[in-house]
PDB file of N, CA and C in Angstrom:
ATOM      1  N   GLN A   1      -3.273   4.491 -12.699  1.00  0.00           N
ATOM      2  CA  GLN A   1      -2.461   5.084 -11.662  1.00  0.00           C
ATOM      3  C   GLN A   1      -1.539   4.019 -11.092  1.00  0.00           C
ATOM      4  N   THR A   2      -0.646   4.418 -10.208  1.00  0.00           N
ATOM      5  CA  THR A   2       0.393   3.530  -9.703  1.00  0.00           C
ATOM      6  C   THR A   2       0.459   3.588  -8.187  1.00  0.00           C
ATOM      7  N   TYR A   3       0.692   2.415  -7.580  1.00  0.00           N
ATOM      8  CA  TYR A   3       1.038   2.381  -6.164  1.00  0.00           C
ATOM      9  C   TYR A   3       2.324   1.582  -6.028  1.00  0.00           C
ATOM     10  N   PHE A   4       2.944   1.663  -4.853  1.00  0.00           N
ATOM     11  CA  PHE A   4       4.235   1.020  -4.626  1.00  0.00           C
ATOM     12  C   PHE A   4       4.174   0.057  -3.453  1.00  0.00           C
ATOM     13  N   THR A   5       5.005  -0.986  -3.542  1.00  0.00           N
ATOM     14  CA  THR A   5       5.316  -1.820  -2.391  1.00  0.00           C
ATOM     15  C   THR A   5       6.810  -1.677  -2.166  1.00  0.00           C
ATOM     16  N   ALA A   6       7.212  -1.668  -0.908  1.00  0.00           N
ATOM     17  CA  ALA A   6       8.626  -1.456  -0.589  1.00  0.00           C
ATOM     18  C   ALA A   6       9.077  -2.481   0.439  1.00  0.00           C
ATOM     19  N   GLY A   7      10.116  -3.222   0.072  1.00  0.00           N
ATOM     20  CA  GLY A   7      10.731  -4.159   0.993  1.00  0.00           C
ATOM     21  C   GLY A   7      12.162  -3.743   1.254  1.00  0.00           C
ATOM     22  N   VAL A   8      12.871  -4.582   1.966  1.00  0.00           N
ATOM     23  CA  VAL A   8      14.266  -4.278   2.290  1.00  0.00           C
ATOM     24  C   VAL A   8      15.117  -4.233   1.025  1.00  0.00           C
ATOM     25  N   LYS A   9      14.886  -5.179   0.105  1.00  0.00           N
ATOM     26  CA  LYS A   9      15.722  -5.290  -1.092  1.00  0.00           C
ATOM     27  C   LYS A   9      15.128  -4.638  -2.333  1.00  0.00           C
ATOM     28  N   GLU A  10      13.820  -4.391  -2.338  1.00  0.00           N
ATOM     29  CA  GLU A  10      13.187  -3.993  -3.591  1.00  0.00           C
ATOM     30  C   GLU A  10      12.008  -3.054  -3.356  1.00  0.00           C
ATOM     31  N   VAL A  11      11.889  -2.067  -4.224  1.00  0.00           N
ATOM     32  CA  VAL A  11      10.686  -1.237  -4.315  1.00  0.00           C
ATOM     33  C   VAL A  11      10.075  -1.533  -5.671  1.00  0.00           C
ATOM     34  N   ARG A  12       8.758  -1.754  -5.680  1.00  0.00           N
ATOM     35  CA  ARG A  12       8.116  -2.128  -6.933  1.00  0.00           C
ATOM     36  C   ARG A  12       6.876  -1.272  -7.164  1.00  0.00           C
ATOM     37  N   ALA A  13       6.660  -0.900  -8.413  1.00  0.00           N
ATOM     38  CA  ALA A  13       5.474  -0.137  -8.804  1.00  0.00           C
ATOM     39  C   ALA A  13       4.448  -1.088  -9.409  1.00  0.00           C
ATOM     40  N   TRP A  14       3.185  -0.864  -9.069  1.00  0.00           N
ATOM     41  CA  TRP A  14       2.075  -1.677  -9.572  1.00  0.00           C
ATOM     42  C   TRP A  14       1.053  -0.741 -10.206  1.00  0.00           C
ATOM     43  N   THR A  15       0.530  -1.124 -11.357  1.00  0.00           N
ATOM     44  CA  THR A  15      -0.450  -0.316 -12.074  1.00  0.00           C
ATOM     45  C   THR A  15      -1.858  -0.801 -11.737  1.00  0.00           C
ATOM     46  N   ILE A  16      -2.729   0.141 -11.392  1.00  0.00           N
ATOM     47  CA  ILE A  16      -4.127  -0.167 -11.089  1.00  0.00           C
ATOM     48  C   ILE A  16      -5.024   0.861 -11.771  1.00  0.00           C
ATOM     49  N   HIS A  17      -6.331   0.598 -11.743  1.00  0.00           N
ATOM     50  CA  HIS A  17      -7.300   1.532 -12.300  1.00  0.00           C
ATOM     51  C   HIS A  17      -7.640   2.606 -11.276  1.00  0.00           C
ATOM     52  N   VAL A  18      -7.920   3.802 -11.752  1.00  0.00           N
ATOM     53  CA  VAL A  18      -8.404   4.873 -10.879  1.00  0.00           C
ATOM     54  C   VAL A  18      -9.697   4.385 -10.233  1.00  0.00           C
ATOM     55  N   GLY A  19      -9.796   4.541  -8.922  1.00  0.00           N
ATOM     56  CA  GLY A  19     -10.983   4.108  -8.196  1.00  0.00           C
ATOM     57  C   GLY A  19     -10.884   2.721  -7.590  1.00  0.00           C
ATOM     58  N   ASP A  20      -9.790   1.996  -7.848  1.00  0.00           N
ATOM     59  CA  ASP A  20      -9.626   0.664  -7.254  1.00  0.00           C
ATOM     60  C   ASP A  20      -9.484   0.772  -5.740  1.00  0.00           C
ATOM     61  N   THR A  21     -10.104  -0.179  -5.048  1.00  0.00           N
ATOM     62  CA  THR A  21      -9.991  -0.243  -3.592  1.00  0.00           C
ATOM     63  C   THR A  21      -8.719  -0.997  -3.207  1.00  0.00           C
ATOM     64  N   ALA A  22      -8.383  -0.931  -1.928  1.00  0.00           N
ATOM     65  CA  ALA A  22      -7.179  -1.606  -1.444  1.00  0.00           C
ATOM     66  C   ALA A  22      -7.194  -3.109  -1.752  1.00  0.00           C
ATOM     67  N   PRO A  23      -8.314  -3.838  -1.530  1.00  0.00           N
ATOM     68  CA  PRO A  23      -8.298  -5.258  -1.890  1.00  0.00           C
ATOM     69  C   PRO A  23      -8.078  -5.499  -3.389  1.00  0.00           C
ATOM     70  N   GLN A  24      -8.651  -4.647  -4.233  1.00  0.00           N
ATOM     71  CA  GLN A  24      -8.433  -4.784  -5.676  1.00  0.00           C
ATOM     72  C   GLN A  24      -6.968  -4.550  -6.021  1.00  0.00           C
ATOM     73  N   ALA A  25      -6.346  -3.572  -5.382  1.00  0.00           N
ATOM     74  CA  ALA A  25      -4.924  -3.306  -5.606  1.00  0.00           C
ATOM     75  C   ALA A  25      -4.082  -4.491  -5.150  1.00  0.00           C
ATOM     76  N   ALA A  26      -4.451  -5.084  -4.023  1.00  0.00           N
ATOM     77  CA  ALA A  26      -3.731  -6.259  -3.525  1.00  0.00           C
ATOM     78  C   ALA A  26      -3.841  -7.414  -4.512  1.00  0.00           C
ATOM     79  N   GLY A  27      -4.997  -7.539  -5.162  1.00  0.00           N
ATOM     80  CA  GLY A  27      -5.217  -8.611  -6.123  1.00  0.00           C
ATOM     81  C   GLY A  27      -4.332  -8.525  -7.345  1.00  0.00           C
ATOM     82  N   VAL A  28      -3.801  -7.352  -7.642  1.00  0.00           N
ATOM     83  CA  VAL A  28      -2.868  -7.201  -8.764  1.00  0.00           C
ATOM     84  C   VAL A  28      -1.590  -7.989  -8.484  1.00  0.00           C
ATOM     85  N   ILE A  29      -1.196  -8.061  -7.217  1.00  0.00           N
ATOM     86  CA  ILE A  29      -0.002  -8.817  -6.839  1.00  0.00           C
ATOM     87  C   ILE A  29      -0.303 -10.310  -6.872  1.00  0.00           C
ATOM     88  N   HIS A  30      -1.405 -10.715  -6.220  1.00  0.00           N
ATOM     89  CA  HIS A  30      -1.794 -12.131  -6.186  1.00  0.00           C
ATOM     90  C   HIS A  30      -3.249 -12.216  -5.749  1.00  0.00           C
ATOM     91  N   GLY A  31      -4.006 -13.088  -6.369  1.00  0.00           N
ATOM     92  CA  GLY A  31      -5.419 -13.247  -6.034  1.00  0.00           C
ATOM     93  C   GLY A  31      -5.662 -13.571  -4.571  1.00  0.00           C
ATOM     94  N   ASP A  32      -4.751 -14.330  -3.947  1.00  0.00           N
ATOM     95  CA  ASP A  32      -4.894 -14.661  -2.525  1.00  0.00           C
ATOM     96  C   ASP A  32      -4.851 -13.409  -1.657  1.00  0.00           C
ATOM     97  N   PHE A  33      -4.085 -12.404  -2.081  1.00  0.00           N
ATOM     98  CA  PHE A  33      -4.007 -11.151  -1.318  1.00  0.00           C
ATOM     99  C   PHE A  33      -5.378 -10.473  -1.282  1.00  0.00           C
ATOM    100  N   GLU A  34      -6.091 -10.526  -2.407  1.00  0.00           N
ATOM    101  CA  GLU A  34      -7.415  -9.902  -2.463  1.00  0.00           C
ATOM    102  C   GLU A  34      -8.424 -10.710  -1.652  1.00  0.00           C
ATOM    103  N   ARG A  35      -8.417 -12.037  -1.798  1.00  0.00           N
ATOM    104  CA  ARG A  35      -9.377 -12.887  -1.091  1.00  0.00           C
ATOM    105  C   ARG A  35      -9.211 -12.815   0.428  1.00  0.00           C
ATOM    106  N   GLY A  36      -7.965 -12.772   0.898  1.00  0.00           N
ATOM    107  CA  GLY A  36      -7.712 -12.787   2.334  1.00  0.00           C
ATOM    108  C   GLY A  36      -7.394 -11.425   2.927  1.00  0.00           C
ATOM    109  N   PHE A  37      -7.710 -10.364   2.192  1.00  0.00           N
ATOM    110  CA  PHE A  37      -7.360  -9.002   2.617  1.00  0.00           C
ATOM    111  C   PHE A  37      -7.875  -8.697   4.024  1.00  0.00           C
ATOM    112  N   ILE A  38      -7.002  -8.152   4.862  1.00  0.00           N
ATOM    113  CA  ILE A  38      -7.380  -7.684   6.199  1.00  0.00           C
ATOM    114  C   ILE A  38      -7.331  -6.159   6.233  1.00  0.00           C
ATOM    115  N   ARG A  39      -6.163  -5.605   5.928  1.00  0.00           N
ATOM    116  CA  ARG A  39      -6.011  -4.146   5.866  1.00  0.00           C
ATOM    117  C   ARG A  39      -4.724  -3.806   5.124  1.00  0.00           C
ATOM    118  N   ALA A  40      -4.597  -2.525   4.790  1.00  0.00           N
ATOM    119  CA  ALA A  40      -3.395  -2.032   4.116  1.00  0.00           C
ATOM    120  C   ALA A  40      -2.738  -0.980   4.990  1.00  0.00           C
ATOM    121  N   GLN A  41      -1.461  -1.165   5.270  1.00  0.00           N
ATOM    122  CA  GLN A  41      -0.679  -0.126   5.931  1.00  0.00           C
ATOM    123  C   GLN A  41      -0.253   0.826   4.825  1.00  0.00           C
ATOM    124  N   THR A  42      -0.615   2.092   4.959  1.00  0.00           N
ATOM    125  CA  THR A  42      -0.515   3.053   3.870  1.00  0.00           C
ATOM    126  C   THR A  42       0.321   4.264   4.264  1.00  0.00           C
ATOM    127  N   ILE A  43       1.227   4.644   3.362  1.00  0.00           N
ATOM    128  CA  ILE A  43       2.025   5.862   3.525  1.00  0.00           C
ATOM    129  C   ILE A  43       1.945   6.631   2.211  1.00  0.00           C
ATOM    130  N   ALA A  44       1.681   7.921   2.282  1.00  0.00           N
ATOM    131  CA  ALA A  44       1.702   8.753   1.079  1.00  0.00           C
ATOM    132  C   ALA A  44       3.135   8.807   0.541  1.00  0.00           C
ATOM    133  N   PHE A  45       3.272   8.818  -0.773  1.00  0.00           N
ATOM    134  CA  PHE A  45       4.596   8.802  -1.400  1.00  0.00           C
ATOM    135  C   PHE A  45       5.486   9.935  -0.891  1.00  0.00           C
ATOM    136  N   ASP A  46       4.939  11.145  -0.835  1.00  0.00           N
ATOM    137  CA  ASP A  46       5.737  12.300  -0.381  1.00  0.00           C
ATOM    138  C   ASP A  46       6.244  12.108   1.047  1.00  0.00           C
ATOM    139  N   ASP A  47       5.417  11.516   1.913  1.00  0.00           N
ATOM    140  CA  ASP A  47       5.846  11.243   3.289  1.00  0.00           C
ATOM    141  C   ASP A  47       6.922  10.162   3.321  1.00  0.00           C
ATOM    142  N   PHE A  48       6.780   9.150   2.472  1.00  0.00           N
ATOM    143  CA  PHE A  48       7.773   8.073   2.399  1.00  0.00           C
ATOM    144  C   PHE A  48       9.146   8.636   2.041  1.00  0.00           C
ATOM    145  N   ILE A  49       9.175   9.549   1.075  1.00  0.00           N
ATOM    146  CA  ILE A  49      10.438  10.172   0.652  1.00  0.00           C
ATOM    147  C   ILE A  49      10.954  11.130   1.731  1.00  0.00           C
ATOM    148  N   HIS A  50      10.079  11.991   2.232  1.00  0.00           N
ATOM    149  CA  HIS A  50      10.481  13.006   3.220  1.00  0.00           C
ATOM    150  C   HIS A  50      11.069  12.377   4.484  1.00  0.00           C
ATOM    151  N   TYR A  51      10.461  11.293   4.949  1.00  0.00           N
ATOM    152  CA  TYR A  51      10.913  10.659   6.193  1.00  0.00           C
ATOM    153  C   TYR A  51      11.867   9.491   5.953  1.00  0.00           C
ATOM    154  N   LYS A  52      12.360   9.391   4.720  1.00  0.00           N
ATOM    155  CA  LYS A  52      13.410   8.431   4.354  1.00  0.00           C
ATOM    156  C   LYS A  52      13.013   6.978   4.590  1.00  0.00           C
ATOM    157  N   GLY A  53      11.800   6.644   4.170  1.00  0.00           N
ATOM    158  CA  GLY A  53      11.384   5.248   4.195  1.00  0.00           C
ATOM    159  C   GLY A  53      10.266   4.945   5.170  1.00  0.00           C
ATOM    160  N   GLU A  54       9.939   3.656   5.221  1.00  0.00           N
ATOM    161  CA  GLU A  54       8.808   3.194   6.014  1.00  0.00           C
ATOM    162  C   GLU A  54       8.976   3.483   7.503  1.00  0.00           C
ATOM    163  N   GLN A  55      10.129   3.157   8.057  1.00  0.00           N
ATOM    164  CA  GLN A  55      10.320   3.338   9.495  1.00  0.00           C
ATOM    165  C   GLN A  55      10.254   4.812   9.900  1.00  0.00           C
ATOM    166  N   GLY A  56      10.876   5.676   9.113  1.00  0.00           N
ATOM    167  CA  GLY A  56      10.826   7.104   9.411  1.00  0.00           C
ATOM    168  C   GLY A  56       9.410   7.652   9.348  1.00  0.00           C
ATOM    169  N   ALA A  57       8.652   7.230   8.333  1.00  0.00           N
ATOM    170  CA  ALA A  57       7.262   7.671   8.203  1.00  0.00           C
ATOM    171  C   ALA A  57       6.416   7.137   9.356  1.00  0.00           C
ATOM    172  N   LYS A  58       6.664   5.894   9.731  1.00  0.00           N
ATOM    173  CA  LYS A  58       5.934   5.294  10.852  1.00  0.00           C
ATOM    174  C   LYS A  58       6.232   6.043  12.147  1.00  0.00           C
ATOM    175  N   ASP A  59       7.512   6.323  12.395  1.00  0.00           N
ATOM    176  CA  ASP A  59       7.914   7.053  13.603  1.00  0.00           C
ATOM    177  C   ASP A  59       7.299   8.451  13.652  1.00  0.00           C
ATOM    178  N   ALA A  60       7.083   9.058  12.478  1.00  0.00           N
ATOM    179  CA  ALA A  60       6.497  10.401  12.397  1.00  0.00           C
ATOM    180  C   ALA A  60       4.963  10.367  12.432  1.00  0.00           C
ATOM    181  N   GLY A  61       4.390   9.176  12.544  1.00  0.00           N
ATOM    182  CA  GLY A  61       2.938   9.042  12.598  1.00  0.00           C
ATOM    183  C   GLY A  61       2.256   9.186  11.254  1.00  0.00           C
ATOM    184  N   LYS A  62       2.978   8.927  10.178  1.00  0.00           N
ATOM    185  CA  LYS A  62       2.426   9.101   8.832  1.00  0.00           C
ATOM    186  C   LYS A  62       1.895   7.801   8.228  1.00  0.00           C
ATOM    187  N   MET A  63       2.044   6.677   8.911  1.00  0.00           N
ATOM    188  CA  MET A  63       1.501   5.410   8.422  1.00  0.00           C
ATOM    189  C   MET A  63       0.062   5.278   8.914  1.00  0.00           C
ATOM    190  N   ARG A  64      -0.836   4.931   7.980  1.00  0.00           N
ATOM    191  CA  ARG A  64      -2.253   4.763   8.304  1.00  0.00           C
ATOM    192  C   ARG A  64      -2.668   3.316   8.050  1.00  0.00           C
ATOM    193  N   ALA A  65      -3.631   2.837   8.810  1.00  0.00           N
ATOM    194  CA  ALA A  65      -4.246   1.535   8.548  1.00  0.00           C
ATOM    195  C   ALA A  65      -5.554   1.798   7.811  1.00  0.00           C
ATOM    196  N   GLU A  66      -5.682   1.215   6.625  1.00  0.00           N
ATOM    197  CA  GLU A  66      -6.877   1.420   5.801  1.00  0.00           C
ATOM    198  C   GLU A  66      -7.566   0.081   5.559  1.00  0.00           C
ATOM    199  N   GLY A  67      -8.894   0.110   5.503  1.00  0.00           N
ATOM    200  CA  GLY A  67      -9.682  -1.101   5.344  1.00  0.00           C
ATOM    201  C   GLY A  67     -10.105  -1.378   3.913  1.00  0.00           C
ATOM    202  N   LYS A  68     -11.108  -2.253   3.785  1.00  0.00           N
ATOM    203  CA  LYS A  68     -11.550  -2.756   2.484  1.00  0.00           C
ATOM    204  C   LYS A  68     -12.165  -1.693   1.580  1.00  0.00           C
ATOM    205  N   GLU A  69     -12.665  -0.619   2.156  1.00  0.00           N
ATOM    206  CA  GLU A  69     -13.323   0.422   1.358  1.00  0.00           C
ATOM    207  C   GLU A  69     -12.366   1.515   0.892  1.00  0.00           C
ATOM    208  N   TYR A  70     -11.115   1.465   1.333  1.00  0.00           N
ATOM    209  CA  TYR A  70     -10.153   2.516   0.992  1.00  0.00           C
ATOM    210  C   TYR A  70      -9.880   2.533  -0.509  1.00  0.00           C
ATOM    211  N   VAL A  71     -10.016   3.700  -1.116  1.00  0.00           N
ATOM    212  CA  VAL A  71      -9.686   3.884  -2.532  1.00  0.00           C
ATOM    213  C   VAL A  71      -8.229   4.325  -2.602  1.00  0.00           C
ATOM    214  N   VAL A  72      -7.424   3.515  -3.265  1.00  0.00           N
ATOM    215  CA  VAL A  72      -5.983   3.758  -3.340  1.00  0.00           C
ATOM    216  C   VAL A  72      -5.719   5.037  -4.130  1.00  0.00           C
ATOM    217  N   ARG A  73      -4.802   5.843  -3.615  1.00  0.00           N
ATOM    218  CA  ARG A  73      -4.409   7.094  -4.271  1.00  0.00           C
ATOM    219  C   ARG A  73      -3.126   6.878  -5.052  1.00  0.00           C
ATOM    220  N   ASP A  74      -2.991   7.615  -6.128  1.00  0.00           N
ATOM    221  CA  ASP A  74      -1.791   7.526  -6.953  1.00  0.00           C
ATOM    222  C   ASP A  74      -0.557   7.812  -6.100  1.00  0.00           C
ATOM    223  N   GLY A  75       0.405   6.899  -6.129  1.00  0.00           N
ATOM    224  CA  GLY A  75       1.652   7.084  -5.400  1.00  0.00           C
ATOM    225  C   GLY A  75       1.676   6.511  -3.996  1.00  0.00           C
ATOM    226  N   ASP A  76       0.552   5.975  -3.508  1.00  0.00           N
ATOM    227  CA  ASP A  76       0.558   5.373  -2.172  1.00  0.00           C
ATOM    228  C   ASP A  76       1.627   4.287  -2.084  1.00  0.00           C
ATOM    229  N   VAL A  77       2.229   4.175  -0.913  1.00  0.00           N
ATOM    230  CA  VAL A  77       3.134   3.068  -0.605  1.00  0.00           C
ATOM    231  C   VAL A  77       2.351   2.161   0.334  1.00  0.00           C
ATOM    232  N   LEU A  78       2.118   0.909  -0.097  1.00  0.00           N
ATOM    233  CA  LEU A  78       1.219   0.011   0.622  1.00  0.00           C
ATOM    234  C   LEU A  78       1.930  -1.250   1.087  1.00  0.00           C
ATOM    235  N   ASN A  79       1.516  -1.720   2.253  1.00  0.00           N
ATOM    236  CA  ASN A  79       1.909  -3.031   2.752  1.00  0.00           C
ATOM    237  C   ASN A  79       0.611  -3.739   3.127  1.00  0.00           C
ATOM    238  N   PHE A  80       0.333  -4.878   2.482  1.00  0.00           N
ATOM    239  CA  PHE A  80      -0.933  -5.567   2.693  1.00  0.00           C
ATOM    240  C   PHE A  80      -0.818  -6.615   3.788  1.00  0.00           C
ATOM    241  N   LEU A  81      -1.815  -6.627   4.656  1.00  0.00           N
ATOM    242  CA  LEU A  81      -1.948  -7.682   5.651  1.00  0.00           C
ATOM    243  C   LEU A  81      -3.105  -8.559   5.187  1.00  0.00           C
ATOM    244  N   PHE A  82      -2.869  -9.863   5.122  1.00  0.00           N
ATOM    245  CA  PHE A  82      -3.894 -10.771   4.626  1.00  0.00           C
ATOM    246  C   PHE A  82      -3.747 -12.124   5.306  1.00  0.00           C
ATOM    247  N   ASN A  83      -4.804 -12.925   5.206  1.00  0.00           N
ATOM    248  CA  ASN A  83      -4.803 -14.267   5.766  1.00  0.00           C
ATOM    249  C   ASN A  83      -5.570 -15.169   4.816  1.00  0.00           C
ATOM    250  N   VAL A  84      -4.928 -16.245   4.386  1.00  0.00           N
ATOM    251  CA  VAL A  84      -5.584 -17.178   3.467  1.00  0.00           C
ATOM    252  C   VAL A  84      -5.691 -18.532   4.129  1.00  0.00           C
TER     253      VAL A  84
END
């Protein structure tokens, strides 16, 4: 399955296994992200599109904070908070 990260200049798709948790998904980007995982700011893909991006989804209350046990869903748009 696939999840996305979205920045000002770039949106990127990342491939993960079905059933991967948020820290495991973060580890696909960089091992430090998995080791220092704090939480994932999560927006469903459909909400991201409907509300025209991260800020619109956040303003509409569609951004969720998910912890280490969260199982990433196909199409999630994630922003990882971590500390190494």
